């Protein structure tokens, strides 16, 4: 049954309202992306210098620190999955969840038990719906993560890593997050956090860069005790900042697409509305003309 003028007008008004909302969300996401990128850039110098210091101690000392020592026959692996707290971000959360499932499958093939740590309501909802056990979770600040939250997560993971496996601890820790490449490209990524692998991409210092810069006092072990927890928190914060920028970029792109689709639908509904309105006007004119002709014929017949 063809839609009436009233129905088409109501649909067009509803889509217009939705378009205003998606446009507002697009602009909000765009403004927050800039802030997220600035935060990531501001944290860069600290992260680089901390990486240089940890690299120097871990590479050029003979200390066997618990956070840098591979455990024999690892059986339990913690996975920190970083997702978003809100939707309207396209395939952002589903992509990183799929990457997490891929990692889980690889760990199971190695006969390792998985211990989930979740950051973001989307990941929590995914695990809760499937009735999976969650070791620990955090939510509420996925698009603006604080270092305090990263430190809280780091403390929980380090405690689990230092706890013997038979007492509920883990042998290794992985992070699944979304790396921000550009406004158009965000890629799910996986890094192994513990046992510590000092990695910083292209920023990783060479031996010639770091060896002459540090003297370890009172000892390399004491320096590692102080630096490694800060390094772990820094790495987690870096991943969370990358994920936040990726989430906002995905949301802006999704909202722009929704706004464009709404505009296309408004234009189509407007054309349909005009066609129906024109048909109604033509029908009314035809009825008026037909009535006038009938009256004229009746008057001529009576004469």
Foldseek 3Di string as FASTA:
>chain_A
DDDALVVLVVVLVVLVVVLVVLVVLLVVLVVLLVVLVVVLVVLVVVLLVLLLVVCQLVPPDPDDDLLQDADPPFAEEEEEQQAAQDDLLPCLRVQLVVVVVVVVVVCVVSNHHYAYEYEYVVVVVVCVVVPHDHPYYYYDALLNDDLVVLLVVLVVLVVLCPDDVVVPHGRWYKYWAWADDDLVDIHIDMDTPGSHDSDDDPSRDDCVVRNVPDDDPPDSNVVCVPSVSVNSSSVSVSRSSRRSSSSSSSSSVSSVVSSVVSVVVSVVSVVVSVVSVVVVVVVVVVVVVVVVVVVVVVVVVVD
